[in-house]
Amino acid sequence: MIALAHIQDFGVTLAIAALIGVGKGLRTIFMALVIPTHVPLSRLPGATGIQLLTSGIIALTLGPVVGWIKDVTSNYAIMLHCLNIFTYLTVISWSSEIWYVKRKSRKTEEEKQMSNKLNI
C-alpha cells in the first residue's frame, strides 16, 4: 500500500488495487476458517457473531477517522501512510502477544518439568 501512495500511473495503480483486493478476499475466506479451528462447535455461532460485530464496530468507528484524515490533509498519500501505521501497530501488537504467550507457556512447561523431577 505504500507504493500506492506514490504511484501516479493508472495501470500500476489498478494493478496494486487488484493485489490489495485479492489480499482482502483471501483474508475474508481464511477468517471464516480461523474461528472454527480455535472454537468448539457449540460456541461457534457466538464466536462468529462476536467477530462480525467487532469488525462492524471497528469499520463504523475508524472509517470516519480515515475520511477525516483525508479531509484535513487533502492528501491521499498521507491518508494511506496513516492506514499503514495502523496496520503496523496491529502487527506489532499481535507479535508481542505471540511472544508473550510462547514465553509464558515455556515457563509453565519448565515449572512442570521441575516439579516432576522433584516428585521422582
PDB file of N, CA and C in Angstrom:
ATOM      1  N   MET A   1       0.816  -1.181   0.000  1.00  0.00           N
ATOM      2  CA  MET A   1       0.000   0.000   0.000  1.00  0.00           C
ATOM      3  C   MET A   1       0.863   1.250   0.000  1.00  0.00           C
ATOM      4  N   ILE A   2       2.105   1.141   0.436  1.00  0.00           N
ATOM      5  CA  ILE A   2       2.983   2.301   0.419  1.00  0.00           C
ATOM      6  C   ILE A   2       3.219   2.743  -1.018  1.00  0.00           C
ATOM      7  N   ALA A   3       3.392   1.780  -1.930  1.00  0.00           N
ATOM      8  CA  ALA A   3       3.617   2.120  -3.329  1.00  0.00           C
ATOM      9  C   ALA A   3       2.413   2.858  -3.905  1.00  0.00           C
ATOM     10  N   LEU A   4       1.224   2.501  -3.480  1.00  0.00           N
ATOM     11  CA  LEU A   4       0.007   3.140  -3.975  1.00  0.00           C
ATOM     12  C   LEU A   4      -0.023   4.626  -3.640  1.00  0.00           C
ATOM     13  N   ALA A   5       0.626   5.009  -2.555  1.00  0.00           N
ATOM     14  CA  ALA A   5       0.635   6.411  -2.143  1.00  0.00           C
ATOM     15  C   ALA A   5       1.511   7.271  -3.041  1.00  0.00           C
ATOM     16  N   HIS A   6       2.462   6.666  -3.729  1.00  0.00           N
ATOM     17  CA  HIS A   6       3.420   7.456  -4.505  1.00  0.00           C
ATOM     18  C   HIS A   6       3.335   7.237  -6.013  1.00  0.00           C
ATOM     19  N   ILE A   7       2.546   6.300  -6.465  1.00  0.00           N
ATOM     20  CA  ILE A   7       2.429   5.993  -7.891  1.00  0.00           C
ATOM     21  C   ILE A   7       1.314   6.841  -8.501  1.00  0.00           C
ATOM     22  N   GLN A   8       1.589   7.424  -9.648  1.00  0.00           N
ATOM     23  CA  GLN A   8       0.587   8.239 -10.331  1.00  0.00           C
ATOM     24  C   GLN A   8       0.075   7.587 -11.615  1.00  0.00           C
ATOM     25  N   ASP A   9       0.728   6.520 -12.063  1.00  0.00           N
ATOM     26  CA  ASP A   9       0.337   5.843 -13.296  1.00  0.00           C
ATOM     27  C   ASP A   9      -0.925   5.015 -13.053  1.00  0.00           C
ATOM     28  N   PHE A  10      -1.920   5.153 -13.937  1.00  0.00           N
ATOM     29  CA  PHE A  10      -3.202   4.483 -13.748  1.00  0.00           C
ATOM     30  C   PHE A  10      -3.071   2.971 -13.796  1.00  0.00           C
ATOM     31  N   GLY A  11      -2.278   2.437 -14.719  1.00  0.00           N
ATOM     32  CA  GLY A  11      -2.126   0.993 -14.850  1.00  0.00           C
ATOM     33  C   GLY A  11      -1.511   0.356 -13.614  1.00  0.00           C
ATOM     34  N   VAL A  12      -0.464   0.997 -13.087  1.00  0.00           N
ATOM     35  CA  VAL A  12       0.194   0.482 -11.886  1.00  0.00           C
ATOM     36  C   VAL A  12      -0.757   0.579 -10.696  1.00  0.00           C
ATOM     37  N   THR A  13      -1.483   1.700 -10.595  1.00  0.00           N
ATOM     38  CA  THR A  13      -2.455   1.872  -9.520  1.00  0.00           C
ATOM     39  C   THR A  13      -3.521   0.788  -9.585  1.00  0.00           C
ATOM     40  N   LEU A  14      -3.988   0.488 -10.779  1.00  0.00           N
ATOM     41  CA  LEU A  14      -5.000  -0.552 -10.964  1.00  0.00           C
ATOM     42  C   LEU A  14      -4.448  -1.929 -10.567  1.00  0.00           C
ATOM     43  N   ALA A  15      -3.189  -2.211 -10.925  1.00  0.00           N
ATOM     44  CA  ALA A  15      -2.583  -3.499 -10.567  1.00  0.00           C
ATOM     45  C   ALA A  15      -2.432  -3.625  -9.048  1.00  0.00           C
ATOM     46  N   ILE A  16      -1.995  -2.560  -8.405  1.00  0.00           N
ATOM     47  CA  ILE A  16      -1.836  -2.595  -6.940  1.00  0.00           C
ATOM     48  C   ILE A  16      -3.197  -2.752  -6.269  1.00  0.00           C
ATOM     49  N   ALA A  17      -4.204  -2.044  -6.782  1.00  0.00           N
ATOM     50  CA  ALA A  17      -5.548  -2.169  -6.225  1.00  0.00           C
ATOM     51  C   ALA A  17      -6.073  -3.594  -6.391  1.00  0.00           C
ATOM     52  N   ALA A  18      -5.758  -4.231  -7.516  1.00  0.00           N
ATOM     53  CA  ALA A  18      -6.179  -5.622  -7.732  1.00  0.00           C
ATOM     54  C   ALA A  18      -5.490  -6.551  -6.733  1.00  0.00           C
ATOM     55  N   LEU A  19      -4.202  -6.328  -6.480  1.00  0.00           N
ATOM     56  CA  LEU A  19      -3.483  -7.142  -5.498  1.00  0.00           C
ATOM     57  C   LEU A  19      -4.054  -6.945  -4.092  1.00  0.00           C
ATOM     58  N   ILE A  20      -4.378  -5.718  -3.749  1.00  0.00           N
ATOM     59  CA  ILE A  20      -4.986  -5.453  -2.441  1.00  0.00           C
ATOM     60  C   ILE A  20      -6.339  -6.156  -2.346  1.00  0.00           C
ATOM     61  N   GLY A  21      -7.110  -6.122  -3.432  1.00  0.00           N
ATOM     62  CA  GLY A  21      -8.403  -6.799  -3.453  1.00  0.00           C
ATOM     63  C   GLY A  21      -8.268  -8.303  -3.283  1.00  0.00           C
ATOM     64  N   VAL A  22      -7.280  -8.894  -3.931  1.00  0.00           N
ATOM     65  CA  VAL A  22      -7.039 -10.333  -3.781  1.00  0.00           C
ATOM     66  C   VAL A  22      -6.660 -10.641  -2.330  1.00  0.00           C
ATOM     67  N   GLY A  23      -5.815  -9.793  -1.754  1.00  0.00           N
ATOM     68  CA  GLY A  23      -5.433  -9.987  -0.349  1.00  0.00           C
ATOM     69  C   GLY A  23      -6.620  -9.903   0.583  1.00  0.00           C
ATOM     70  N   LYS A  24      -7.500  -8.946   0.340  1.00  0.00           N
ATOM     71  CA  LYS A  24      -8.698  -8.815   1.182  1.00  0.00           C
ATOM     72  C   LYS A  24      -9.621 -10.011   1.003  1.00  0.00           C
ATOM     73  N   GLY A  25      -9.726 -10.507  -0.223  1.00  0.00           N
ATOM     74  CA  GLY A  25     -10.550 -11.685  -0.472  1.00  0.00           C
ATOM     75  C   GLY A  25     -10.017 -12.914   0.258  1.00  0.00           C
ATOM     76  N   LEU A  26      -8.697 -13.109   0.199  1.00  0.00           N
ATOM     77  CA  LEU A  26      -8.086 -14.231   0.920  1.00  0.00           C
ATOM     78  C   LEU A  26      -8.285 -14.079   2.423  1.00  0.00           C
ATOM     79  N   ARG A  27      -8.145 -12.850   2.921  1.00  0.00           N
ATOM     80  CA  ARG A  27      -8.351 -12.631   4.356  1.00  0.00           C
ATOM     81  C   ARG A  27      -9.778 -12.975   4.757  1.00  0.00           C
ATOM     82  N   THR A  28     -10.738 -12.590   3.930  1.00  0.00           N
ATOM     83  CA  THR A  28     -12.135 -12.870   4.227  1.00  0.00           C
ATOM     84  C   THR A  28     -12.402 -14.370   4.239  1.00  0.00           C
ATOM     85  N   ILE A  29     -11.839 -15.073   3.279  1.00  0.00           N
ATOM     86  CA  ILE A  29     -12.038 -16.522   3.205  1.00  0.00           C
ATOM     87  C   ILE A  29     -11.395 -17.213   4.401  1.00  0.00           C
ATOM     88  N   PHE A  30     -10.149 -16.854   4.698  1.00  0.00           N
ATOM     89  CA  PHE A  30      -9.449 -17.542   5.777  1.00  0.00           C
ATOM     90  C   PHE A  30      -9.945 -17.132   7.156  1.00  0.00           C
ATOM     91  N   MET A  31     -10.521 -15.940   7.289  1.00  0.00           N
ATOM     92  CA  MET A  31     -11.087 -15.542   8.581  1.00  0.00           C
ATOM     93  C   MET A  31     -12.229 -16.482   8.952  1.00  0.00           C
ATOM     94  N   ALA A  32     -12.976 -16.906   7.947  1.00  0.00           N
ATOM     95  CA  ALA A  32     -14.078 -17.840   8.207  1.00  0.00           C
ATOM     96  C   ALA A  32     -13.554 -19.220   8.603  1.00  0.00           C
ATOM     97  N   LEU A  33     -12.295 -19.512   8.312  1.00  0.00           N
ATOM     98  CA  LEU A  33     -11.717 -20.804   8.677  1.00  0.00           C
ATOM     99  C   LEU A  33     -10.955 -20.758   9.998  1.00  0.00           C
ATOM    100  N   VAL A  34     -10.470 -19.587  10.380  1.00  0.00           N
ATOM    101  CA  VAL A  34      -9.664 -19.471  11.596  1.00  0.00           C
ATOM    102  C   VAL A  34     -10.517 -19.684  12.838  1.00  0.00           C
ATOM    103  N   ILE A  35     -11.667 -19.043  12.891  1.00  0.00           N
ATOM    104  CA  ILE A  35     -12.513 -19.125  14.087  1.00  0.00           C
ATOM    105  C   ILE A  35     -12.933 -20.573  14.379  1.00  0.00           C
ATOM    106  N   PRO A  36     -13.405 -21.353  13.399  1.00  0.00           N
ATOM    107  CA  PRO A  36     -13.794 -22.740  13.713  1.00  0.00           C
ATOM    108  C   PRO A  36     -12.644 -23.627  14.179  1.00  0.00           C
ATOM    109  N   THR A  37     -11.407 -23.288  13.819  1.00  0.00           N
ATOM    110  CA  THR A  37     -10.291 -24.124  14.266  1.00  0.00           C
ATOM    111  C   THR A  37      -9.926 -23.861  15.724  1.00  0.00           C
ATOM    112  N   HIS A  38     -10.335 -22.744  16.279  1.00  0.00           N
ATOM    113  CA  HIS A  38      -9.963 -22.395  17.648  1.00  0.00           C
ATOM    114  C   HIS A  38     -11.131 -22.404  18.632  1.00  0.00           C
ATOM    115  N   VAL A  39     -12.349 -22.614  18.141  1.00  0.00           N
ATOM    116  CA  VAL A  39     -13.532 -22.534  18.995  1.00  0.00           C
ATOM    117  C   VAL A  39     -14.301 -23.845  18.895  1.00  0.00           C
ATOM    118  N   PRO A  40     -14.776 -24.381  20.026  1.00  0.00           N
ATOM    119  CA  PRO A  40     -15.600 -25.596  19.960  1.00  0.00           C
ATOM    120  C   PRO A  40     -16.870 -25.351  19.142  1.00  0.00           C
ATOM    121  N   LEU A  41     -17.375 -26.399  18.548  1.00  0.00           N
ATOM    122  CA  LEU A  41     -18.537 -26.292  17.677  1.00  0.00           C
ATOM    123  C   LEU A  41     -19.745 -25.690  18.388  1.00  0.00           C
ATOM    124  N   SER A  42     -19.902 -25.971  19.670  1.00  0.00           N
ATOM    125  CA  SER A  42     -21.058 -25.447  20.406  1.00  0.00           C
ATOM    126  C   SER A  42     -20.985 -23.925  20.573  1.00  0.00           C
ATOM    127  N   ARG A  43     -19.787 -23.369  20.531  1.00  0.00           N
ATOM    128  CA  ARG A  43     -19.629 -21.920  20.713  1.00  0.00           C
ATOM    129  C   ARG A  43     -19.362 -21.178  19.407  1.00  0.00           C
ATOM    130  N   LEU A  44     -19.376 -21.898  18.300  1.00  0.00           N
ATOM    131  CA  LEU A  44     -19.057 -21.295  17.007  1.00  0.00           C
ATOM    132  C   LEU A  44     -20.004 -20.168  16.609  1.00  0.00           C
ATOM    133  N   PRO A  45     -21.321 -20.316  16.748  1.00  0.00           N
ATOM    134  CA  PRO A  45     -22.197 -19.202  16.357  1.00  0.00           C
ATOM    135  C   PRO A  45     -21.916 -17.925  17.150  1.00  0.00           C
ATOM    136  N   GLY A  46     -21.699 -18.062  18.444  1.00  0.00           N
ATOM    137  CA  GLY A  46     -21.407 -16.891  19.267  1.00  0.00           C
ATOM    138  C   GLY A  46     -20.086 -16.250  18.897  1.00  0.00           C
ATOM    139  N   ALA A  47     -19.047 -17.075  18.656  1.00  0.00           N
ATOM    140  CA  ALA A  47     -17.728 -16.547  18.303  1.00  0.00           C
ATOM    141  C   ALA A  47     -17.770 -15.836  16.952  1.00  0.00           C
ATOM    142  N   THR A  48     -18.488 -16.417  16.004  1.00  0.00           N
ATOM    143  CA  THR A  48     -18.609 -15.780  14.693  1.00  0.00           C
ATOM    144  C   THR A  48     -19.373 -14.467  14.810  1.00  0.00           C
ATOM    145  N   GLY A  49     -20.417 -14.459  15.621  1.00  0.00           N
ATOM    146  CA  GLY A  49     -21.178 -13.226  15.829  1.00  0.00           C
ATOM    147  C   GLY A  49     -20.345 -12.142  16.477  1.00  0.00           C
ATOM    148  N   ILE A  50     -19.538 -12.507  17.465  1.00  0.00           N
ATOM    149  CA  ILE A  50     -18.661 -11.528  18.118  1.00  0.00           C
ATOM    150  C   ILE A  50     -17.651 -10.971  17.113  1.00  0.00           C
ATOM    151  N   GLN A  51     -17.088 -11.846  16.271  1.00  0.00           N
ATOM    152  CA  GLN A  51     -16.119 -11.390  15.268  1.00  0.00           C
ATOM    153  C   GLN A  51     -16.766 -10.430  14.283  1.00  0.00           C
ATOM    154  N   LEU A  52     -17.962 -10.760  13.807  1.00  0.00           N
ATOM    155  CA  LEU A  52     -18.651  -9.884  12.858  1.00  0.00           C
ATOM    156  C   LEU A  52     -19.057  -8.559  13.507  1.00  0.00           C
ATOM    157  N   LEU A  53     -19.528  -8.620  14.733  1.00  0.00           N
ATOM    158  CA  LEU A  53     -19.901  -7.404  15.451  1.00  0.00           C
ATOM    159  C   LEU A  53     -18.690  -6.499  15.663  1.00  0.00           C
ATOM    160  N   THR A  54     -17.574  -7.095  16.067  1.00  0.00           N
ATOM    161  CA  THR A  54     -16.352  -6.322  16.276  1.00  0.00           C
ATOM    162  C   THR A  54     -15.868  -5.697  14.967  1.00  0.00           C
ATOM    163  N   SER A  55     -15.909  -6.450  13.884  1.00  0.00           N
ATOM    164  CA  SER A  55     -15.499  -5.909  12.584  1.00  0.00           C
ATOM    165  C   SER A  55     -16.389  -4.743  12.178  1.00  0.00           C
ATOM    166  N   GLY A  56     -17.683  -4.876  12.399  1.00  0.00           N
ATOM    167  CA  GLY A  56     -18.600  -3.796  12.058  1.00  0.00           C
ATOM    168  C   GLY A  56     -18.372  -2.552  12.888  1.00  0.00           C
ATOM    169  N   ILE A  57     -18.165  -2.727  14.185  1.00  0.00           N
ATOM    170  CA  ILE A  57     -17.921  -1.573  15.060  1.00  0.00           C
ATOM    171  C   ILE A  57     -16.629  -0.867  14.665  1.00  0.00           C
ATOM    172  N   ILE A  58     -15.592  -1.636  14.400  1.00  0.00           N
ATOM    173  CA  ILE A  58     -14.320  -1.034  14.000  1.00  0.00           C
ATOM    174  C   ILE A  58     -14.474  -0.286  12.680  1.00  0.00           C
ATOM    175  N   ALA A  59     -15.157  -0.890  11.716  1.00  0.00           N
ATOM    176  CA  ALA A  59     -15.346  -0.231  10.425  1.00  0.00           C
ATOM    177  C   ALA A  59     -16.154   1.059  10.568  1.00  0.00           C
ATOM    178  N   LEU A  60     -17.196   1.007  11.396  1.00  0.00           N
ATOM    179  CA  LEU A  60     -18.034   2.199  11.564  1.00  0.00           C
ATOM    180  C   LEU A  60     -17.344   3.307  12.357  1.00  0.00           C
ATOM    181  N   THR A  61     -16.445   2.950  13.249  1.00  0.00           N
ATOM    182  CA  THR A  61     -15.774   3.990  14.041  1.00  0.00           C
ATOM    183  C   THR A  61     -14.508   4.506  13.369  1.00  0.00           C
ATOM    184  N   LEU A  62     -13.726   3.628  12.747  1.00  0.00           N
ATOM    185  CA  LEU A  62     -12.472   4.071  12.144  1.00  0.00           C
ATOM    186  C   LEU A  62     -12.627   4.567  10.717  1.00  0.00           C
ATOM    187  N   GLY A  63     -13.701   4.181  10.042  1.00  0.00           N
ATOM    188  CA  GLY A  63     -13.948   4.686   8.682  1.00  0.00           C
ATOM    189  C   GLY A  63     -14.029   6.204   8.634  1.00  0.00           C
ATOM    190  N   PRO A  64     -14.837   6.815   9.489  1.00  0.00           N
ATOM    191  CA  PRO A  64     -14.883   8.278   9.503  1.00  0.00           C
ATOM    192  C   PRO A  64     -13.565   8.928   9.921  1.00  0.00           C
ATOM    193  N   VAL A  65     -12.785   8.247  10.744  1.00  0.00           N
ATOM    194  CA  VAL A  65     -11.477   8.801  11.134  1.00  0.00           C
ATOM    195  C   VAL A  65     -10.569   8.870   9.917  1.00  0.00           C
ATOM    196  N   VAL A  66     -10.581   7.829   9.101  1.00  0.00           N
ATOM    197  CA  VAL A  66      -9.779   7.831   7.875  1.00  0.00           C
ATOM    198  C   VAL A  66     -10.257   8.945   6.942  1.00  0.00           C
ATOM    199  N   GLY A  67     -11.564   9.108   6.809  1.00  0.00           N
ATOM    200  CA  GLY A  67     -12.102  10.199   5.989  1.00  0.00           C
ATOM    201  C   GLY A  67     -11.717  11.560   6.527  1.00  0.00           C
ATOM    202  N   TRP A  68     -11.722  11.689   7.855  1.00  0.00           N
ATOM    203  CA  TRP A  68     -11.341  12.962   8.473  1.00  0.00           C
ATOM    204  C   TRP A  68      -9.873  13.281   8.193  1.00  0.00           C
ATOM    205  N   ILE A  69      -9.006  12.255   8.288  1.00  0.00           N
ATOM    206  CA  ILE A  69      -7.581  12.460   7.990  1.00  0.00           C
ATOM    207  C   ILE A  69      -7.406  12.917   6.552  1.00  0.00           C
ATOM    208  N   LYS A  70      -8.130  12.310   5.632  1.00  0.00           N
ATOM    209  CA  LYS A  70      -8.045  12.700   4.212  1.00  0.00           C
ATOM    210  C   LYS A  70      -8.556  14.114   4.015  1.00  0.00           C
ATOM    211  N   ASP A  71      -9.663  14.467   4.689  1.00  0.00           N
ATOM    212  CA  ASP A  71     -10.221  15.814   4.545  1.00  0.00           C
ATOM    213  C   ASP A  71      -9.308  16.879   5.131  1.00  0.00           C
ATOM    214  N   VAL A  72      -8.704  16.590   6.279  1.00  0.00           N
ATOM    215  CA  VAL A  72      -7.837  17.577   6.932  1.00  0.00           C
ATOM    216  C   VAL A  72      -6.554  17.792   6.138  1.00  0.00           C
ATOM    217  N   THR A  73      -5.967  16.689   5.647  1.00  0.00           N
ATOM    218  CA  THR A  73      -4.690  16.809   4.939  1.00  0.00           C
ATOM    219  C   THR A  73      -4.863  17.099   3.453  1.00  0.00           C
ATOM    220  N   SER A  74      -6.035  16.801   2.899  1.00  0.00           N
ATOM    221  CA  SER A  74      -6.297  16.935   1.453  1.00  0.00           C
ATOM    222  C   SER A  74      -5.261  16.179   0.632  1.00  0.00           C
ATOM    223  N   ASN A  75      -4.819  15.050   1.171  1.00  0.00           N
ATOM    224  CA  ASN A  75      -3.768  14.298   0.508  1.00  0.00           C
ATOM    225  C   ASN A  75      -4.012  12.802   0.745  1.00  0.00           C
ATOM    226  N   TYR A  76      -4.180  12.066  -0.352  1.00  0.00           N
ATOM    227  CA  TYR A  76      -4.411  10.637  -0.237  1.00  0.00           C
ATOM    228  C   TYR A  76      -3.162   9.897   0.245  1.00  0.00           C
ATOM    229  N   ALA A  77      -1.976  10.388  -0.111  1.00  0.00           N
ATOM    230  CA  ALA A  77      -0.738   9.718   0.292  1.00  0.00           C
ATOM    231  C   ALA A  77      -0.611   9.705   1.817  1.00  0.00           C
ATOM    232  N   ILE A  78      -0.898  10.810   2.465  1.00  0.00           N
ATOM    233  CA  ILE A  78      -0.823  10.868   3.928  1.00  0.00           C
ATOM    234  C   ILE A  78      -1.850   9.931   4.539  1.00  0.00           C
ATOM    235  N   MET A  79      -3.045   9.900   3.965  1.00  0.00           N
ATOM    236  CA  MET A  79      -4.077   9.006   4.470  1.00  0.00           C
ATOM    237  C   MET A  79      -3.627   7.543   4.365  1.00  0.00           C
ATOM    238  N   LEU A  80      -3.024   7.174   3.241  1.00  0.00           N
ATOM    239  CA  LEU A  80      -2.553   5.799   3.074  1.00  0.00           C
ATOM    240  C   LEU A  80      -1.424   5.480   4.045  1.00  0.00           C
ATOM    241  N   HIS A  81      -0.562   6.456   4.312  1.00  0.00           N
ATOM    242  CA  HIS A  81       0.505   6.226   5.294  1.00  0.00           C
ATOM    243  C   HIS A  81      -0.081   6.036   6.695  1.00  0.00           C
ATOM    244  N   CYS A  82      -1.126   6.776   7.026  1.00  0.00           N
ATOM    245  CA  CYS A  82      -1.789   6.584   8.320  1.00  0.00           C
ATOM    246  C   CYS A  82      -2.404   5.186   8.415  1.00  0.00           C
ATOM    247  N   LEU A  83      -3.010   4.710   7.341  1.00  0.00           N
ATOM    248  CA  LEU A  83      -3.549   3.349   7.329  1.00  0.00           C
ATOM    249  C   LEU A  83      -2.434   2.322   7.519  1.00  0.00           C
ATOM    250  N   ASN A  84      -1.291   2.572   6.885  1.00  0.00           N
ATOM    251  CA  ASN A  84      -0.152   1.671   7.064  1.00  0.00           C
ATOM    252  C   ASN A  84       0.330   1.668   8.511  1.00  0.00           C
ATOM    253  N   ILE A  85       0.351   2.830   9.138  1.00  0.00           N
ATOM    254  CA  ILE A  85       0.758   2.907  10.542  1.00  0.00           C
ATOM    255  C   ILE A  85      -0.197   2.090  11.411  1.00  0.00           C
ATOM    256  N   PHE A  86      -1.503   2.208  11.162  1.00  0.00           N
ATOM    257  CA  PHE A  86      -2.480   1.409  11.913  1.00  0.00           C
ATOM    258  C   PHE A  86      -2.226  -0.084  11.707  1.00  0.00           C
ATOM    259  N   THR A  87      -1.916  -0.477  10.475  1.00  0.00           N
ATOM    260  CA  THR A  87      -1.639  -1.872  10.173  1.00  0.00           C
ATOM    261  C   THR A  87      -0.383  -2.342  10.894  1.00  0.00           C
ATOM    262  N   TYR A  88       0.664  -1.526  10.871  1.00  0.00           N
ATOM    263  CA  TYR A  88       1.913  -1.891  11.557  1.00  0.00           C
ATOM    264  C   TYR A  88       1.694  -2.016  13.058  1.00  0.00           C
ATOM    265  N   LEU A  89       0.897  -1.134  13.628  1.00  0.00           N
ATOM    266  CA  LEU A  89       0.603  -1.219  15.065  1.00  0.00           C
ATOM    267  C   LEU A  89      -0.117  -2.525  15.394  1.00  0.00           C
ATOM    268  N   THR A  90      -1.005  -2.950  14.500  1.00  0.00           N
ATOM    269  CA  THR A  90      -1.700  -4.222  14.696  1.00  0.00           C
ATOM    270  C   THR A  90      -0.719  -5.383  14.653  1.00  0.00           C
ATOM    271  N   VAL A  91       0.167  -5.371  13.671  1.00  0.00           N
ATOM    272  CA  VAL A  91       1.160  -6.446  13.544  1.00  0.00           C
ATOM    273  C   VAL A  91       2.083  -6.464  14.763  1.00  0.00           C
ATOM    274  N   ILE A  92       2.481  -5.307  15.232  1.00  0.00           N
ATOM    275  CA  ILE A  92       3.351  -5.235  16.415  1.00  0.00           C
ATOM    276  C   ILE A  92       2.623  -5.779  17.644  1.00  0.00           C
ATOM    277  N   SER A  93       1.359  -5.423  17.817  1.00  0.00           N
ATOM    278  CA  SER A  93       0.623  -5.918  18.992  1.00  0.00           C
ATOM    279  C   SER A  93       0.410  -7.429  18.907  1.00  0.00           C
ATOM    280  N   TRP A  94       0.103  -7.956  17.721  1.00  0.00           N
ATOM    281  CA  TRP A  94      -0.053  -9.402  17.576  1.00  0.00           C
ATOM    282  C   TRP A  94       1.270 -10.114  17.837  1.00  0.00           C
ATOM    283  N   SER A  95       2.358  -9.575  17.312  1.00  0.00           N
ATOM    284  CA  SER A  95       3.671 -10.195  17.525  1.00  0.00           C
ATOM    285  C   SER A  95       4.036 -10.189  19.000  1.00  0.00           C
ATOM    286  N   SER A  96       3.745  -9.086  19.676  1.00  0.00           N
ATOM    287  CA  SER A  96       4.017  -9.010  21.113  1.00  0.00           C
ATOM    288  C   SER A  96       3.203 -10.043  21.875  1.00  0.00           C
ATOM    289  N   GLU A  97       1.948 -10.214  21.486  1.00  0.00           N
ATOM    290  CA  GLU A  97       1.103 -11.205  22.151  1.00  0.00           C
ATOM    291  C   GLU A  97       1.638 -12.618  21.929  1.00  0.00           C
ATOM    292  N   ILE A  98       2.019 -12.930  20.706  1.00  0.00           N
ATOM    293  CA  ILE A  98       2.557 -14.257  20.397  1.00  0.00           C
ATOM    294  C   ILE A  98       3.818 -14.519  21.212  1.00  0.00           C
ATOM    295  N   TRP A  99       4.702 -13.521  21.269  1.00  0.00           N
ATOM    296  CA  TRP A  99       5.933 -13.657  22.050  1.00  0.00           C
ATOM    297  C   TRP A  99       5.615 -13.894  23.517  1.00  0.00           C
ATOM    298  N   TYR A 100       4.677 -13.132  24.076  1.00  0.00           N
ATOM    299  CA  TYR A 100       4.317 -13.257  25.484  1.00  0.00           C
ATOM    300  C   TYR A 100       3.714 -14.624  25.786  1.00  0.00           C
ATOM    301  N   VAL A 101       2.811 -15.076  24.942  1.00  0.00           N
ATOM    302  CA  VAL A 101       2.154 -16.374  25.175  1.00  0.00           C
ATOM    303  C   VAL A 101       3.170 -17.512  25.081  1.00  0.00           C
ATOM    304  N   LYS A 102       4.068 -17.460  24.096  1.00  0.00           N
ATOM    305  CA  LYS A 102       5.081 -18.510  23.976  1.00  0.00           C
ATOM    306  C   LYS A 102       6.014 -18.504  25.180  1.00  0.00           C
ATOM    307  N   ARG A 103       6.400 -17.329  25.625  1.00  0.00           N
ATOM    308  CA  ARG A 103       7.283 -17.220  26.786  1.00  0.00           C
ATOM    309  C   ARG A 103       6.605 -17.765  28.038  1.00  0.00           C
ATOM    310  N   LYS A 104       5.334 -17.423  28.198  1.00  0.00           N
ATOM    311  CA  LYS A 104       4.588 -17.893  29.371  1.00  0.00           C
ATOM    312  C   LYS A 104       4.406 -19.411  29.335  1.00  0.00           C
ATOM    313  N   SER A 105       4.079 -19.962  28.162  1.00  0.00           N
ATOM    314  CA  SER A 105       3.884 -21.412  28.066  1.00  0.00           C
ATOM    315  C   SER A 105       5.201 -22.157  28.267  1.00  0.00           C
ATOM    316  N   ARG A 106       6.296 -21.603  27.797  1.00  0.00           N
ATOM    317  CA  ARG A 106       7.598 -22.221  28.005  1.00  0.00           C
ATOM    318  C   ARG A 106       7.958 -22.217  29.493  1.00  0.00           C
ATOM    319  N   LYS A 107       7.652 -21.118  30.164  1.00  0.00           N
ATOM    320  CA  LYS A 107       7.925 -21.021  31.598  1.00  0.00           C
ATOM    321  C   LYS A 107       7.082 -22.040  32.376  1.00  0.00           C
ATOM    322  N   THR A 108       5.820 -22.176  31.995  1.00  0.00           N
ATOM    323  CA  THR A 108       4.936 -23.147  32.643  1.00  0.00           C
ATOM    324  C   THR A 108       5.439 -24.563  32.413  1.00  0.00           C
ATOM    325  N   GLU A 109       5.892 -24.846  31.217  1.00  0.00           N
ATOM    326  CA  GLU A 109       6.414 -26.173  30.886  1.00  0.00           C
ATOM    327  C   GLU A 109       7.671 -26.477  31.704  1.00  0.00           C
ATOM    328  N   GLU A 110       8.534 -25.480  31.854  1.00  0.00           N
ATOM    329  CA  GLU A 110       9.743 -25.680  32.658  1.00  0.00           C
ATOM    330  C   GLU A 110       9.389 -25.943  34.120  1.00  0.00           C
ATOM    331  N   GLU A 111       8.388 -25.244  34.637  1.00  0.00           N
ATOM    332  CA  GLU A 111       7.956 -25.461  36.014  1.00  0.00           C
ATOM    333  C   GLU A 111       7.381 -26.865  36.199  1.00  0.00           C
ATOM    334  N   LYS A 112       6.638 -27.355  35.216  1.00  0.00           N
ATOM    335  CA  LYS A 112       6.093 -28.716  35.283  1.00  0.00           C
ATOM    336  C   LYS A 112       7.217 -29.743  35.289  1.00  0.00           C
ATOM    337  N   GLN A 113       8.220 -29.535  34.434  1.00  0.00           N
ATOM    338  CA  GLN A 113       9.328 -30.464  34.384  1.00  0.00           C
ATOM    339  C   GLN A 113      10.101 -30.467  35.704  1.00  0.00           C
ATOM    340  N   MET A 114      10.276 -29.272  36.293  1.00  0.00           N
ATOM    341  CA  MET A 114      10.976 -29.175  37.571  1.00  0.00           C
ATOM    342  C   MET A 114      10.213 -29.900  38.669  1.00  0.00           C
ATOM    343  N   SER A 115       8.882 -29.699  38.705  1.00  0.00           N
ATOM    344  CA  SER A 115       8.079 -30.357  39.746  1.00  0.00           C
ATOM    345  C   SER A 115       8.049 -31.867  39.541  1.00  0.00           C
ATOM    346  N   ASN A 116       8.062 -32.322  38.279  1.00  0.00           N
ATOM    347  CA  ASN A 116       8.114 -33.769  38.014  1.00  0.00           C
ATOM    348  C   ASN A 116       9.433 -34.364  38.475  1.00  0.00           C
ATOM    349  N   LYS A 117      10.545 -33.644  38.292  1.00  0.00           N
ATOM    350  CA  LYS A 117      11.851 -34.130  38.739  1.00  0.00           C
ATOM    351  C   LYS A 117      11.908 -34.181  40.258  1.00  0.00           C
ATOM    352  N   LEU A 118      11.296 -33.227  40.922  1.00  0.00           N
ATOM    353  CA  LEU A 118      11.323 -33.200  42.366  1.00  0.00           C
ATOM    354  C   LEU A 118      10.450 -34.304  42.972  1.00  0.00           C
ATOM    355  N   ASN A 119       9.374 -34.658  42.276  1.00  0.00           N
ATOM    356  CA  ASN A 119       8.471 -35.692  42.758  1.00  0.00           C
ATOM    357  C   ASN A 119       9.026 -37.105  42.587  1.00  0.00           C
ATOM    358  N   ILE A 120       9.964 -37.263  41.687  1.00  0.00           N
ATOM    359  CA  ILE A 120      10.522 -38.598  41.432  1.00  0.00           C
ATOM    360  C   ILE A 120      11.594 -38.921  42.382  1.00  0.00           C
TER     361      ILE A 120
END
